[in-house]
PDB file of all heavy atoms in Angstrom:
ATOM      1  N   ALA A   1     102.419  11.099 -18.342  1.00  0.00           N
ATOM      2  CA  ALA A   1     102.028  10.036 -17.418  1.00  0.00           C
ATOM      3  C   ALA A   1     100.803   9.340 -17.995  1.00  0.00           C
ATOM      4  O   ALA A   1     100.237   9.791 -18.989  1.00  0.00           O
ATOM      5  CB  ALA A   1     101.710  10.640 -16.049  1.00  0.00           C
ATOM      6  N   GLN A   2     100.430   8.225 -17.389  1.00  0.00           N
ATOM      7  CA  GLN A   2      99.255   7.494 -17.872  1.00  0.00           C
ATOM      8  C   GLN A   2      98.007   8.355 -17.660  1.00  0.00           C
ATOM      9  O   GLN A   2      97.809   8.942 -16.612  1.00  0.00           O
ATOM     10  CB  GLN A   2      99.101   6.178 -17.128  1.00  0.00           C
ATOM     11  CG  GLN A   2      97.925   5.372 -17.632  1.00  0.00           C
ATOM     12  CD  GLN A   2      97.864   4.027 -16.951  1.00  0.00           C
ATOM     13  OE1 GLN A   2      98.795   3.633 -16.288  1.00  0.00           O
ATOM     14  NE2 GLN A   2      96.749   3.330 -17.119  1.00  0.00           N
ATOM     15  N   GLU A   3      97.192   8.390 -18.681  1.00  0.00           N
ATOM     16  CA  GLU A   3      95.966   9.179 -18.620  1.00  0.00           C
ATOM     17  C   GLU A   3      94.961   8.495 -17.698  1.00  0.00           C
ATOM     18  O   GLU A   3      94.812   7.278 -17.705  1.00  0.00           O
ATOM     19  CB  GLU A   3      95.389   9.271 -20.039  1.00  0.00           C
ATOM     20  CG  GLU A   3      94.131  10.066 -20.134  1.00  0.00           C
ATOM     21  CD  GLU A   3      93.599  10.119 -21.546  1.00  0.00           C
ATOM     22  OE1 GLU A   3      94.370   9.911 -22.487  1.00  0.00           O
ATOM     23  OE2 GLU A   3      92.413  10.374 -21.700  1.00  0.00           O
ATOM     24  N   ASN A   4      94.271   9.296 -16.915  1.00  0.00           N
ATOM     25  CA  ASN A   4      93.207   8.779 -16.082  1.00  0.00           C
ATOM     26  C   ASN A   4      92.053   8.358 -16.946  1.00  0.00           C
ATOM     27  O   ASN A   4      91.787   8.978 -18.000  1.00  0.00           O
ATOM     28  CB  ASN A   4      92.738   9.821 -15.070  1.00  0.00           C
ATOM     29  CG  ASN A   4      93.770  10.062 -13.995  1.00  0.00           C
ATOM     30  OD1 ASN A   4      94.504   9.142 -13.612  1.00  0.00           O
ATOM     31  ND2 ASN A   4      93.834  11.289 -13.513  1.00  0.00           N
ATOM     32  N   PRO A   5      91.300   7.304 -16.552  1.00  0.00           N
ATOM     33  CA  PRO A   5      90.125   6.906 -17.336  1.00  0.00           C
ATOM     34  C   PRO A   5      89.062   8.001 -17.280  1.00  0.00           C
ATOM     35  O   PRO A   5      89.049   8.799 -16.343  1.00  0.00           O
ATOM     36  CB  PRO A   5      89.653   5.635 -16.652  1.00  0.00           C
ATOM     37  CG  PRO A   5      90.214   5.683 -15.291  1.00  0.00           C
ATOM     38  CD  PRO A   5      91.485   6.490 -15.377  1.00  0.00           C
ATOM     39  N   PRO A   6      88.182   8.025 -18.255  1.00  0.00           N
ATOM     40  CA  PRO A   6      87.091   9.000 -18.220  1.00  0.00           C
ATOM     41  C   PRO A   6      86.277   8.837 -16.952  1.00  0.00           C
ATOM     42  O   PRO A   6      86.038   7.732 -16.491  1.00  0.00           O
ATOM     43  CB  PRO A   6      86.254   8.664 -19.456  1.00  0.00           C
ATOM     44  CG  PRO A   6      87.129   7.859 -20.328  1.00  0.00           C
ATOM     45  CD  PRO A   6      88.114   7.173 -19.436  1.00  0.00           C
ATOM     46  N   VAL A   7      85.876   9.956 -16.397  1.00  0.00           N
ATOM     47  CA  VAL A   7      85.100   9.932 -15.159  1.00  0.00           C
ATOM     48  C   VAL A   7      83.688  10.371 -15.497  1.00  0.00           C
ATOM     49  O   VAL A   7      83.504  11.374 -16.197  1.00  0.00           O
ATOM     50  CB  VAL A   7      85.736  10.857 -14.104  1.00  0.00           C
ATOM     51  CG1 VAL A   7      84.901  10.912 -12.855  1.00  0.00           C
ATOM     52  CG2 VAL A   7      87.143  10.394 -13.808  1.00  0.00           C
ATOM     53  N   PRO A   8      82.645   9.747 -15.065  1.00  0.00           N
ATOM     54  CA  PRO A   8      82.662   8.516 -14.292  1.00  0.00           C
ATOM     55  C   PRO A   8      82.873   7.303 -15.184  1.00  0.00           C
ATOM     56  O   PRO A   8      82.528   7.318 -16.364  1.00  0.00           O
ATOM     57  CB  PRO A   8      81.276   8.494 -13.653  1.00  0.00           C
ATOM     58  CG  PRO A   8      80.426   9.215 -14.626  1.00  0.00           C
ATOM     59  CD  PRO A   8      81.303  10.277 -15.252  1.00  0.00           C
ATOM     60  N   VAL A   9      83.427   6.241 -14.618  1.00  0.00           N
ATOM     61  CA  VAL A   9      83.579   4.990 -15.342  1.00  0.00           C
ATOM     62  C   VAL A   9      82.207   4.337 -15.382  1.00  0.00           C
ATOM     63  O   VAL A   9      81.565   4.157 -14.348  1.00  0.00           O
ATOM     64  CB  VAL A   9      84.594   4.071 -14.639  1.00  0.00           C
ATOM     65  CG1 VAL A   9      84.659   2.730 -15.325  1.00  0.00           C
ATOM     66  CG2 VAL A   9      85.975   4.709 -14.604  1.00  0.00           C
ATOM     67  N   GLN A  10      81.759   4.010 -16.575  1.00  0.00           N
ATOM     68  CA  GLN A  10      80.437   3.371 -16.708  1.00  0.00           C
ATOM     69  C   GLN A  10      80.601   1.972 -17.270  1.00  0.00           C
ATOM     70  O   GLN A  10      81.382   1.758 -18.189  1.00  0.00           O
ATOM     71  CB  GLN A  10      79.549   4.205 -17.641  1.00  0.00           C
ATOM     72  CG  GLN A  10      79.210   5.566 -17.061  1.00  0.00           C
ATOM     73  CD  GLN A  10      78.251   6.324 -17.939  1.00  0.00           C
ATOM     74  OE1 GLN A  10      77.775   5.828 -18.950  1.00  0.00           O
ATOM     75  NE2 GLN A  10      77.959   7.549 -17.551  1.00  0.00           N
ATOM     76  N   VAL A  11      79.859   1.048 -16.686  1.00  0.00           N
ATOM     77  CA  VAL A  11      79.872  -0.326 -17.137  1.00  0.00           C
ATOM     78  C   VAL A  11      78.421  -0.740 -17.370  1.00  0.00           C
ATOM     79  O   VAL A  11      77.574  -0.491 -16.535  1.00  0.00           O
ATOM     80  CB  VAL A  11      80.518  -1.259 -16.099  1.00  0.00           C
ATOM     81  CG1 VAL A  11      80.420  -2.708 -16.529  1.00  0.00           C
ATOM     82  CG2 VAL A  11      81.974  -0.860 -15.867  1.00  0.00           C
ATOM     83  N   GLU A  12      78.171  -1.328 -18.531  1.00  0.00           N
ATOM     84  CA  GLU A  12      76.843  -1.843 -18.831  1.00  0.00           C
ATOM     85  C   GLU A  12      76.973  -3.330 -19.166  1.00  0.00           C
ATOM     86  O   GLU A  12      77.861  -3.703 -19.930  1.00  0.00           O
ATOM     87  CB  GLU A  12      76.242  -1.094 -20.000  1.00  0.00           C
ATOM     88  CG  GLU A  12      74.830  -1.565 -20.345  1.00  0.00           C
ATOM     89  CD  GLU A  12      74.236  -0.827 -21.524  1.00  0.00           C
ATOM     90  OE1 GLU A  12      74.745   0.246 -21.899  1.00  0.00           O
ATOM     91  OE2 GLU A  12      73.265  -1.366 -22.102  1.00  0.00           O
ATOM     92  N   VAL A  13      76.105  -4.138 -18.608  1.00  0.00           N
ATOM     93  CA  VAL A  13      76.142  -5.595 -18.847  1.00  0.00           C
ATOM     94  C   VAL A  13      74.791  -6.009 -19.407  1.00  0.00           C
ATOM     95  O   VAL A  13      73.751  -5.671 -18.844  1.00  0.00           O
ATOM     96  CB  VAL A  13      76.441  -6.376 -17.549  1.00  0.00           C
ATOM     97  CG1 VAL A  13      76.475  -7.877 -17.820  1.00  0.00           C
ATOM     98  CG2 VAL A  13      77.751  -5.908 -16.932  1.00  0.00           C
ATOM     99  N   ARG A  14      74.840  -6.752 -20.515  1.00  0.00           N
ATOM    100  CA  ARG A  14      73.605  -7.261 -21.144  1.00  0.00           C
ATOM    101  C   ARG A  14      73.723  -8.789 -21.269  1.00  0.00           C
ATOM    102  O   ARG A  14      74.753  -9.312 -21.645  1.00  0.00           O
ATOM    103  CB  ARG A  14      73.437  -6.678 -22.540  1.00  0.00           C
ATOM    104  CG  ARG A  14      73.288  -5.174 -22.571  1.00  0.00           C
ATOM    105  CD  ARG A  14      73.151  -4.678 -23.998  1.00  0.00           C
ATOM    106  NE  ARG A  14      73.286  -3.230 -24.048  1.00  0.00           N
ATOM    107  CZ  ARG A  14      73.509  -2.547 -25.156  1.00  0.00           C
ATOM    108  NH1 ARG A  14      73.607  -3.177 -26.306  1.00  0.00           N
ATOM    109  NH2 ARG A  14      73.622  -1.246 -25.114  1.00  0.00           N
ATOM    110  N   THR A  15      72.629  -9.470 -20.953  1.00  0.00           N
ATOM    111  CA  THR A  15      72.583 -10.918 -21.141  1.00  0.00           C
ATOM    112  C   THR A  15      72.301 -11.201 -22.602  1.00  0.00           C
ATOM    113  O   THR A  15      71.283 -10.787 -23.128  1.00  0.00           O
ATOM    114  CB  THR A  15      71.480 -11.535 -20.258  1.00  0.00           C
ATOM    115  OG1 THR A  15      71.701 -11.181 -18.905  1.00  0.00           O
ATOM    116  CG2 THR A  15      71.470 -13.039 -20.400  1.00  0.00           C
ATOM    117  N   SER A  16      73.204 -11.940 -23.247  1.00  0.00           N
ATOM    118  CA  SER A  16      73.025 -12.302 -24.652  1.00  0.00           C
ATOM    119  C   SER A  16      72.553 -13.726 -24.847  1.00  0.00           C
ATOM    120  O   SER A  16      71.926 -14.063 -25.852  1.00  0.00           O
ATOM    121  CB  SER A  16      74.330 -12.108 -25.426  1.00  0.00           C
ATOM    122  OG  SER A  16      74.643 -10.747 -25.533  1.00  0.00           O
ATOM    123  N   ARG A  17      72.868 -14.600 -23.884  1.00  0.00           N
ATOM    124  CA  ARG A  17      72.479 -16.002 -24.006  1.00  0.00           C
ATOM    125  C   ARG A  17      72.387 -16.590 -22.607  1.00  0.00           C
ATOM    126  O   ARG A  17      73.195 -16.305 -21.739  1.00  0.00           O
ATOM    127  CB  ARG A  17      73.533 -16.762 -24.832  1.00  0.00           C
ATOM    128  CG  ARG A  17      73.155 -18.162 -25.170  1.00  0.00           C
ATOM    129  CD  ARG A  17      74.126 -18.801 -26.136  1.00  0.00           C
ATOM    130  NE  ARG A  17      75.400 -19.045 -25.454  1.00  0.00           N
ATOM    131  CZ  ARG A  17      76.512 -19.416 -26.089  1.00  0.00           C
ATOM    132  NH1 ARG A  17      76.522 -19.547 -27.384  1.00  0.00           N
ATOM    133  NH2 ARG A  17      77.607 -19.629 -25.411  1.00  0.00           N
ATOM    134  N   ASN A  18      71.385 -17.446 -22.395  1.00  0.00           N
ATOM    135  CA  ASN A  18      71.174 -18.082 -21.094  1.00  0.00           C
ATOM    136  C   ASN A  18      71.990 -19.355 -20.961  1.00  0.00           C
ATOM    137  O   ASN A  18      72.330 -20.006 -21.948  1.00  0.00           O
ATOM    138  CB  ASN A  18      69.692 -18.400 -20.905  1.00  0.00           C
ATOM    139  CG  ASN A  18      68.866 -17.150 -20.766  1.00  0.00           C
ATOM    140  OD1 ASN A  18      69.265 -16.197 -20.128  1.00  0.00           O
ATOM    141  ND2 ASN A  18      67.706 -17.133 -21.407  1.00  0.00           N
ATOM    142  N   LEU A  19      72.259 -19.731 -19.718  1.00  0.00           N
ATOM    143  CA  LEU A  19      72.932 -20.994 -19.399  1.00  0.00           C
ATOM    144  C   LEU A  19      71.925 -22.120 -19.591  1.00  0.00           C
ATOM    145  O   LEU A  19      70.802 -22.067 -19.073  1.00  0.00           O
ATOM    146  CB  LEU A  19      73.428 -20.944 -17.952  1.00  0.00           C
ATOM    147  CG  LEU A  19      74.128 -22.154 -17.376  1.00  0.00           C
ATOM    148  CD1 LEU A  19      75.368 -22.510 -18.199  1.00  0.00           C
ATOM    149  CD2 LEU A  19      74.531 -21.880 -15.929  1.00  0.00           C
ATOM    150  N   ASN A  20      72.303 -23.146 -20.391  1.00  0.00           N
ATOM    151  CA  ASN A  20      71.392 -24.242 -20.670  1.00  0.00           C
ATOM    152  C   ASN A  20      72.150 -25.567 -20.562  1.00  0.00           C
ATOM    153  O   ASN A  20      73.173 -25.751 -21.238  1.00  0.00           O
ATOM    154  CB  ASN A  20      70.777 -24.088 -22.067  1.00  0.00           C
ATOM    155  CG  ASN A  20      69.605 -24.994 -22.274  1.00  0.00           C
ATOM    156  OD1 ASN A  20      69.531 -26.097 -21.744  1.00  0.00           O
ATOM    157  ND2 ASN A  20      68.640 -24.535 -23.068  1.00  0.00           N
ATOM    158  N   PHE A  21      71.644 -26.465 -19.742  1.00  0.00           N
ATOM    159  CA  PHE A  21      72.307 -27.739 -19.515  1.00  0.00           C
ATOM    160  C   PHE A  21      71.855 -28.829 -20.474  1.00  0.00           C
ATOM    161  O   PHE A  21      72.327 -29.958 -20.398  1.00  0.00           O
ATOM    162  CB  PHE A  21      72.078 -28.188 -18.064  1.00  0.00           C
ATOM    163  CG  PHE A  21      72.811 -27.311 -17.083  1.00  0.00           C
ATOM    164  CD1 PHE A  21      72.214 -26.156 -16.582  1.00  0.00           C
ATOM    165  CD2 PHE A  21      74.084 -27.635 -16.675  1.00  0.00           C
ATOM    166  CE1 PHE A  21      72.898 -25.357 -15.705  1.00  0.00           C
ATOM    167  CE2 PHE A  21      74.781 -26.832 -15.796  1.00  0.00           C
ATOM    168  CZ  PHE A  21      74.174 -25.686 -15.306  1.00  0.00           C
ATOM    169  N   GLY A  22      70.950 -28.518 -21.399  1.00  0.00           N
ATOM    170  CA  GLY A  22      70.495 -29.505 -22.377  1.00  0.00           C
ATOM    171  C   GLY A  22      69.596 -30.543 -21.719  1.00  0.00           C
ATOM    172  O   GLY A  22      69.028 -30.325 -20.662  1.00  0.00           O
ATOM    173  N   THR A  23      69.483 -31.691 -22.378  1.00  0.00           N
ATOM    174  CA  THR A  23      68.617 -32.760 -21.925  1.00  0.00           C
ATOM    175  C   THR A  23      69.458 -33.891 -21.343  1.00  0.00           C
ATOM    176  O   THR A  23      70.470 -34.291 -21.932  1.00  0.00           O
ATOM    177  CB  THR A  23      67.778 -33.299 -23.094  1.00  0.00           C
ATOM    178  OG1 THR A  23      67.102 -32.175 -23.689  1.00  0.00           O
ATOM    179  CG2 THR A  23      66.748 -34.309 -22.635  1.00  0.00           C
ATOM    180  N   PHE A  24      69.044 -34.395 -20.186  1.00  0.00           N
ATOM    181  CA  PHE A  24      69.753 -35.504 -19.532  1.00  0.00           C
ATOM    182  C   PHE A  24      68.745 -36.242 -18.664  1.00  0.00           C
ATOM    183  O   PHE A  24      67.637 -35.767 -18.414  1.00  0.00           O
ATOM    184  CB  PHE A  24      70.931 -35.007 -18.706  1.00  0.00           C
ATOM    185  CG  PHE A  24      70.558 -34.018 -17.640  1.00  0.00           C
ATOM    186  CD1 PHE A  24      70.235 -34.448 -16.352  1.00  0.00           C
ATOM    187  CD2 PHE A  24      70.551 -32.649 -17.914  1.00  0.00           C
ATOM    188  CE1 PHE A  24      69.862 -33.525 -15.374  1.00  0.00           C
ATOM    189  CE2 PHE A  24      70.182 -31.737 -16.935  1.00  0.00           C
ATOM    190  CZ  PHE A  24      69.849 -32.184 -15.662  1.00  0.00           C
ATOM    191  N   THR A  25      69.144 -37.404 -18.198  1.00  0.00           N
ATOM    192  CA  THR A  25      68.307 -38.175 -17.283  1.00  0.00           C
ATOM    193  C   THR A  25      69.159 -38.576 -16.093  1.00  0.00           C
ATOM    194  O   THR A  25      70.369 -38.701 -16.202  1.00  0.00           O
ATOM    195  CB  THR A  25      67.678 -39.398 -17.971  1.00  0.00           C
ATOM    196  OG1 THR A  25      66.754 -40.013 -17.079  1.00  0.00           O
ATOM    197  CG2 THR A  25      68.718 -40.394 -18.434  1.00  0.00           C
ATOM    198  N   ALA A  26      68.515 -38.750 -14.961  1.00  0.00           N
ATOM    199  CA  ALA A  26      69.241 -39.094 -13.728  1.00  0.00           C
ATOM    200  C   ALA A  26      68.770 -40.439 -13.207  1.00  0.00           C
ATOM    201  O   ALA A  26      67.574 -40.719 -13.167  1.00  0.00           O
ATOM    202  CB  ALA A  26      68.988 -38.012 -12.671  1.00  0.00           C
ATOM    203  N   GLY A  27      69.740 -41.273 -12.819  1.00  0.00           N
ATOM    204  CA  GLY A  27      69.437 -42.537 -12.152  1.00  0.00           C
ATOM    205  C   GLY A  27      69.127 -42.272 -10.683  1.00  0.00           C
ATOM    206  O   GLY A  27      68.965 -41.120 -10.259  1.00  0.00           O
ATOM    207  N   SER A  28      69.138 -43.311  -9.878  1.00  0.00           N
ATOM    208  CA  SER A  28      68.751 -43.173  -8.491  1.00  0.00           C
ATOM    209  C   SER A  28      69.835 -42.606  -7.563  1.00  0.00           C
ATOM    210  O   SER A  28      69.542 -42.189  -6.462  1.00  0.00           O
ATOM    211  CB  SER A  28      68.282 -44.524  -7.934  1.00  0.00           C
ATOM    212  OG  SER A  28      69.346 -45.455  -8.030  1.00  0.00           O
ATOM    213  N   ALA A  29      71.075 -42.556  -8.010  1.00  0.00           N
ATOM    214  CA  ALA A  29      72.176 -42.117  -7.137  1.00  0.00           C
ATOM    215  C   ALA A  29      72.491 -40.631  -7.256  1.00  0.00           C
ATOM    216  O   ALA A  29      73.318 -40.115  -6.530  1.00  0.00           O
ATOM    217  CB  ALA A  29      73.443 -42.949  -7.428  1.00  0.00           C
ATOM    218  N   GLY A  30      71.859 -39.919  -8.200  1.00  0.00           N
ATOM    219  CA  GLY A  30      72.160 -38.486  -8.353  1.00  0.00           C
ATOM    220  C   GLY A  30      73.519 -38.241  -8.998  1.00  0.00           C
ATOM    221  O   GLY A  30      74.169 -39.180  -9.453  1.00  0.00           O
ATOM    222  N   GLY A  31      73.944 -37.011  -8.998  1.00  0.00           N
ATOM    223  CA  GLY A  31      75.227 -36.669  -9.602  1.00  0.00           C
ATOM    224  C   GLY A  31      75.274 -35.215 -10.009  1.00  0.00           C
ATOM    225  O   GLY A  31      74.474 -34.389  -9.515  1.00  0.00           O
ATOM    226  N   ASN A  32      76.172 -34.899 -10.923  1.00  0.00           N
ATOM    227  CA  ASN A  32      76.374 -33.510 -11.379  1.00  0.00           C
ATOM    228  C   ASN A  32      76.327 -33.415 -12.890  1.00  0.00           C
ATOM    229  O   ASN A  32      76.800 -34.323 -13.583  1.00  0.00           O
ATOM    230  CB  ASN A  32      77.713 -32.990 -10.890  1.00  0.00           C
ATOM    231  CG  ASN A  32      77.826 -32.929  -9.416  1.00  0.00           C
ATOM    232  OD1 ASN A  32      76.932 -32.431  -8.729  1.00  0.00           O
ATOM    233  ND2 ASN A  32      78.922 -33.462  -8.871  1.00  0.00           N
ATOM    234  N   VAL A  33      75.804 -32.311 -13.376  1.00  0.00           N
ATOM    235  CA  VAL A  33      75.871 -31.958 -14.798  1.00  0.00           C
ATOM    236  C   VAL A  33      76.571 -30.609 -14.848  1.00  0.00           C
ATOM    237  O   VAL A  33      76.139 -29.646 -14.204  1.00  0.00           O
ATOM    238  CB  VAL A  33      74.466 -31.843 -15.436  1.00  0.00           C
ATOM    239  CG1 VAL A  33      74.588 -31.458 -16.906  1.00  0.00           C
ATOM    240  CG2 VAL A  33      73.675 -33.103 -15.255  1.00  0.00           C
ATOM    241  N   THR A  34      77.664 -30.540 -15.606  1.00  0.00           N
ATOM    242  CA  THR A  34      78.443 -29.303 -15.688  1.00  0.00           C
ATOM    243  C   THR A  34      78.502 -28.823 -17.121  1.00  0.00           C
ATOM    244  O   THR A  34      78.723 -29.628 -18.055  1.00  0.00           O
ATOM    245  CB  THR A  34      79.879 -29.550 -15.169  1.00  0.00           C
ATOM    246  OG1 THR A  34      79.810 -29.969 -13.810  1.00  0.00           O
ATOM    247  CG2 THR A  34      80.727 -28.290 -15.259  1.00  0.00           C
ATOM    248  N   VAL A  35      78.316 -27.537 -17.313  1.00  0.00           N
ATOM    249  CA  VAL A  35      78.543 -26.888 -18.604  1.00  0.00           C
ATOM    250  C   VAL A  35      79.646 -25.867 -18.379  1.00  0.00           C
ATOM    251  O   VAL A  35      79.517 -24.978 -17.529  1.00  0.00           O
ATOM    252  CB  VAL A  35      77.261 -26.194 -19.150  1.00  0.00           C
ATOM    253  CG1 VAL A  35      77.573 -25.380 -20.394  1.00  0.00           C
ATOM    254  CG2 VAL A  35      76.205 -27.241 -19.447  1.00  0.00           C
ATOM    255  N   SER A  36      80.740 -26.014 -19.136  1.00  0.00           N
ATOM    256  CA  SER A  36      81.866 -25.093 -18.978  1.00  0.00           C
ATOM    257  C   SER A  36      81.615 -23.824 -19.782  1.00  0.00           C
ATOM    258  O   SER A  36      80.677 -23.774 -20.603  1.00  0.00           O
ATOM    259  CB  SER A  36      83.165 -25.754 -19.437  1.00  0.00           C
ATOM    260  OG  SER A  36      83.087 -26.045 -20.827  1.00  0.00           O
ATOM    261  N   PHE A  37      82.436 -22.812 -19.576  1.00  0.00           N
ATOM    262  CA  PHE A  37      82.265 -21.547 -20.283  1.00  0.00           C
ATOM    263  C   PHE A  37      82.376 -21.712 -21.794  1.00  0.00           C
ATOM    264  O   PHE A  37      81.885 -20.875 -22.547  1.00  0.00           O
ATOM    265  CB  PHE A  37      83.280 -20.496 -19.787  1.00  0.00           C
ATOM    266  CG  PHE A  37      84.687 -20.787 -20.179  1.00  0.00           C
ATOM    267  CD1 PHE A  37      85.184 -20.403 -21.418  1.00  0.00           C
ATOM    268  CD2 PHE A  37      85.554 -21.439 -19.311  1.00  0.00           C
ATOM    269  CE1 PHE A  37      86.487 -20.665 -21.780  1.00  0.00           C
ATOM    270  CE2 PHE A  37      86.860 -21.698 -19.670  1.00  0.00           C
ATOM    271  CZ  PHE A  37      87.327 -21.309 -20.904  1.00  0.00           C
ATOM    272  N   ASP A  38      82.985 -22.808 -22.268  1.00  0.00           N
ATOM    273  CA  ASP A  38      83.129 -23.030 -23.721  1.00  0.00           C
ATOM    274  C   ASP A  38      82.117 -24.045 -24.247  1.00  0.00           C
ATOM    275  O   ASP A  38      82.352 -24.727 -25.233  1.00  0.00           O
ATOM    276  CB  ASP A  38      84.562 -23.425 -24.075  1.00  0.00           C
ATOM    277  CG  ASP A  38      85.028 -24.680 -23.372  1.00  0.00           C
ATOM    278  OD1 ASP A  38      84.306 -25.207 -22.490  1.00  0.00           O
ATOM    279  OD2 ASP A  38      86.124 -25.147 -23.683  1.00  0.00           O
ATOM    280  N   ASP A  39      80.942 -24.136 -23.587  1.00  0.00           N
ATOM    281  CA  ASP A  39      79.803 -24.951 -24.046  1.00  0.00           C
ATOM    282  C   ASP A  39      80.034 -26.440 -24.001  1.00  0.00           C
ATOM    283  O   ASP A  39      79.349 -27.208 -24.684  1.00  0.00           O
ATOM    284  CB  ASP A  39      79.376 -24.555 -25.474  1.00  0.00           C
ATOM    285  CG  ASP A  39      78.892 -23.123 -25.575  1.00  0.00           C
ATOM    286  OD1 ASP A  39      78.368 -22.595 -24.576  1.00  0.00           O
ATOM    287  OD2 ASP A  39      79.043 -22.536 -26.670  1.00  0.00           O
ATOM    288  N   GLN A  40      80.979 -26.926 -23.206  1.00  0.00           N
ATOM    289  CA  GLN A  40      81.233 -28.349 -23.097  1.00  0.00           C
ATOM    290  C   GLN A  40      80.476 -28.900 -21.883  1.00  0.00           C
ATOM    291  O   GLN A  40      80.603 -28.407 -20.768  1.00  0.00           O
ATOM    292  CB  GLN A  40      82.734 -28.633 -22.942  1.00  0.00           C
ATOM    293  CG  GLN A  40      83.550 -28.129 -24.104  1.00  0.00           C
ATOM    294  CD  GLN A  40      83.149 -28.759 -25.423  1.00  0.00           C
ATOM    295  OE1 GLN A  40      83.062 -30.001 -25.525  1.00  0.00           O
ATOM    296  NE2 GLN A  40      82.874 -27.928 -26.403  1.00  0.00           N
ATOM    297  N   ARG A  41      79.670 -29.958 -22.116  1.00  0.00           N
ATOM    298  CA  ARG A  41      78.905 -30.570 -21.025  1.00  0.00           C
ATOM    299  C   ARG A  41      79.623 -31.834 -20.576  1.00  0.00           C
ATOM    300  O   ARG A  41      80.117 -32.611 -21.367  1.00  0.00           O
ATOM    301  CB  ARG A  41      77.486 -30.918 -21.497  1.00  0.00           C
ATOM    302  CG  ARG A  41      76.660 -31.598 -20.403  1.00  0.00           C
ATOM    303  CD  ARG A  41      75.233 -31.764 -20.773  1.00  0.00           C
ATOM    304  NE  ARG A  41      75.074 -32.642 -21.935  1.00  0.00           N
ATOM    305  CZ  ARG A  41      73.910 -32.990 -22.447  1.00  0.00           C
ATOM    306  NH1 ARG A  41      72.786 -32.543 -21.930  1.00  0.00           N
ATOM    307  NH2 ARG A  41      73.844 -33.777 -23.502  1.00  0.00           N
ATOM    308  N   SER A  42      79.652 -32.016 -19.259  1.00  0.00           N
ATOM    309  CA  SER A  42      80.158 -33.262 -18.689  1.00  0.00           C
ATOM    310  C   SER A  42      79.219 -33.684 -17.558  1.00  0.00           C
ATOM    311  O   SER A  42      78.534 -32.852 -16.975  1.00  0.00           O
ATOM    312  CB  SER A  42      81.599 -33.090 -18.167  1.00  0.00           C
ATOM    313  OG  SER A  42      81.620 -32.109 -17.157  1.00  0.00           O
ATOM    314  N   VAL A  43      79.179 -34.980 -17.305  1.00  0.00           N
ATOM    315  CA  VAL A  43      78.317 -35.522 -16.261  1.00  0.00           C
ATOM    316  C   VAL A  43      79.128 -36.462 -15.387  1.00  0.00           C
ATOM    317  O   VAL A  43      80.128 -37.026 -15.836  1.00  0.00           O
ATOM    318  CB  VAL A  43      77.085 -36.266 -16.833  1.00  0.00           C
ATOM    319  CG1 VAL A  43      76.195 -35.327 -17.631  1.00  0.00           C
ATOM    320  CG2 VAL A  43      77.502 -37.458 -17.707  1.00  0.00           C
ATOM    321  N   ASP A  44      78.698 -36.625 -14.144  1.00  0.00           N
ATOM    322  CA  ASP A  44      79.279 -37.638 -13.277  1.00  0.00           C
ATOM    323  C   ASP A  44      78.184 -38.209 -12.383  1.00  0.00           C
ATOM    324  O   ASP A  44      77.067 -37.709 -12.368  1.00  0.00           O
ATOM    325  CB  ASP A  44      80.476 -37.102 -12.482  1.00  0.00           C
ATOM    326  CG  ASP A  44      80.119 -36.015 -11.497  1.00  0.00           C
ATOM    327  OD1 ASP A  44      78.952 -35.931 -11.055  1.00  0.00           O
ATOM    328  OD2 ASP A  44      81.008 -35.218 -11.139  1.00  0.00           O
TER     329      ASP A  44
END
């Protein structure tokens, strides 16, 4: 049968890089700046 995972299951998470939206400027109407998981920036 399928083997049970090792007990206890341990998960460790380390931050390797911070989320960065780069440099932009905003006009008077506001809007959104989006950075996707693949480092693509878009604005509206």
